[in-house]
Amino acid sequence: MNGYIKIAEVSKKWGIGERRINTLCLEGRIEGAVKFGNTWAIPADAEKPKDDRIKSGKYIKNGK
């Protein structure tokens, strides 16, 4: 498939784990990612989504 790369290649390119990329694909956060059987095909020109996870260790409750 021309123009698409595998999760392992994206992992090296973006410097994050394959499992995290799989999660991003499942959440629909990587635009153009398509699943074929058990394998995700990610566009070669896809951009790394912003990491919206909480890193401070403090969790937001009820918007406060």
C-alpha atoms as a PDB file:
ATOM      1  CA  MET A   1       0.000   0.000   0.000  1.00  0.00           C
ATOM      2  CA  ASN A   2       1.686   3.115  -1.225  1.00  0.00           C
ATOM      3  CA  GLY A   3       1.570   6.145   1.026  1.00  0.00           C
ATOM      4  CA  TYR A   4       0.925   4.141   4.208  1.00  0.00           C
ATOM      5  CA  ILE A   5       3.280   2.882   6.904  1.00  0.00           C
ATOM      6  CA  LYS A   6       2.982   0.398   9.772  1.00  0.00           C
ATOM      7  CA  ILE A   7       2.755   1.173  13.481  1.00  0.00           C
ATOM      8  CA  ALA A   8       6.360   0.008  14.046  1.00  0.00           C
ATOM      9  CA  GLU A   9       7.655   2.580  11.557  1.00  0.00           C
ATOM     10  CA  VAL A  10       5.523   5.360  13.058  1.00  0.00           C
ATOM     11  CA  SER A  11       6.799   4.405  16.519  1.00  0.00           C
ATOM     12  CA  LYS A  12      10.396   5.022  15.457  1.00  0.00           C
ATOM     13  CA  LYS A  13       9.473   8.210  13.592  1.00  0.00           C
ATOM     14  CA  TRP A  14       7.504   9.795  16.480  1.00  0.00           C
ATOM     15  CA  GLY A  15       9.511   8.331  19.374  1.00  0.00           C
ATOM     16  CA  ILE A  16       6.537   6.781  21.179  1.00  0.00           C
ATOM     17  CA  GLY A  17       5.532   3.167  21.814  1.00  0.00           C
ATOM     18  CA  GLU A  18       3.612   0.978  19.410  1.00  0.00           C
ATOM     19  CA  ARG A  19       0.924   0.367  22.021  1.00  0.00           C
ATOM     20  CA  ARG A  20       0.316   4.123  22.395  1.00  0.00           C
ATOM     21  CA  ILE A  21       0.018   4.506  18.618  1.00  0.00           C
ATOM     22  CA  ASN A  22      -2.474   1.631  18.533  1.00  0.00           C
ATOM     23  CA  THR A  23      -4.532   3.438  21.195  1.00  0.00           C
ATOM     24  CA  LEU A  24      -4.419   6.672  19.206  1.00  0.00           C
ATOM     25  CA  CYS A  25      -5.683   4.783  16.148  1.00  0.00           C
ATOM     26  CA  LEU A  26      -8.498   3.176  18.140  1.00  0.00           C
ATOM     27  CA  GLU A  27      -9.533   6.590  19.472  1.00  0.00           C
ATOM     28  CA  GLY A  28      -9.556   8.008  15.931  1.00  0.00           C
ATOM     29  CA  ARG A  29      -6.888  10.599  16.751  1.00  0.00           C
ATOM     30  CA  ILE A  30      -4.648   9.800  13.777  1.00  0.00           C
ATOM     31  CA  GLU A  31      -6.311  11.194  10.699  1.00  0.00           C
ATOM     32  CA  GLY A  32      -6.492   8.766   7.778  1.00  0.00           C
ATOM     33  CA  ALA A  33      -5.510   5.641   9.755  1.00  0.00           C
ATOM     34  CA  VAL A  34      -7.231   2.525   8.389  1.00  0.00           C
ATOM     35  CA  LYS A  35      -7.411  -0.942   9.911  1.00  0.00           C
ATOM     36  CA  PHE A  36      -6.904  -3.987   7.686  1.00  0.00           C
ATOM     37  CA  GLY A  37      -7.552  -7.152   9.685  1.00  0.00           C
ATOM     38  CA  ASN A  38      -5.241  -6.855  12.697  1.00  0.00           C
ATOM     39  CA  THR A  39      -2.947  -4.217  11.197  1.00  0.00           C
ATOM     40  CA  TRP A  40      -3.248  -0.452  11.143  1.00  0.00           C
ATOM     41  CA  ALA A  41      -2.149   1.435   8.040  1.00  0.00           C
ATOM     42  CA  ILE A  42      -1.166   5.007   8.833  1.00  0.00           C
ATOM     43  CA  PRO A  43      -0.613   7.664   6.160  1.00  0.00           C
ATOM     44  CA  ALA A  44       3.092   8.393   5.743  1.00  0.00           C
ATOM     45  CA  ASP A  45       2.431  12.139   6.080  1.00  0.00           C
ATOM     46  CA  ALA A  46       0.269  11.828   9.237  1.00  0.00           C
ATOM     47  CA  GLU A  47       1.132  14.221  12.026  1.00  0.00           C
ATOM     48  CA  LYS A  48       1.646  13.188  15.630  1.00  0.00           C
ATOM     49  CA  PRO A  49      -1.432  14.177  17.660  1.00  0.00           C
ATOM     50  CA  LYS A  50      -1.032  16.388  20.708  1.00  0.00           C
ATOM     51  CA  ASP A  51      -0.700  14.443  23.968  1.00  0.00           C
ATOM     52  CA  ASP A  52      -3.762  15.424  26.042  1.00  0.00           C
ATOM     53  CA  ARG A  53      -3.049  13.082  28.945  1.00  0.00           C
ATOM     54  CA  ILE A  54      -2.694  14.616  32.415  1.00  0.00           C
ATOM     55  CA  LYS A  55       0.992  14.684  33.343  1.00  0.00           C
ATOM     56  CA  SER A  56       0.873  16.598  36.633  1.00  0.00           C
ATOM     57  CA  GLY A  57      -0.410  13.664  38.660  1.00  0.00           C
ATOM     58  CA  LYS A  58      -3.446  15.701  39.651  1.00  0.00           C
ATOM     59  CA  TYR A  59      -6.788  14.666  38.280  1.00  0.00           C
ATOM     60  CA  ILE A  60      -9.564  17.027  37.377  1.00  0.00           C
ATOM     61  CA  LYS A  61     -12.826  16.372  39.239  1.00  0.00           C
ATOM     62  CA  ASN A  62     -16.056  18.045  38.201  1.00  0.00           C
ATOM     63  CA  GLY A  63     -14.217  20.634  36.142  1.00  0.00           C
ATOM     64  CA  LYS A  64     -12.330  22.064  39.152  1.00  0.00           C
END
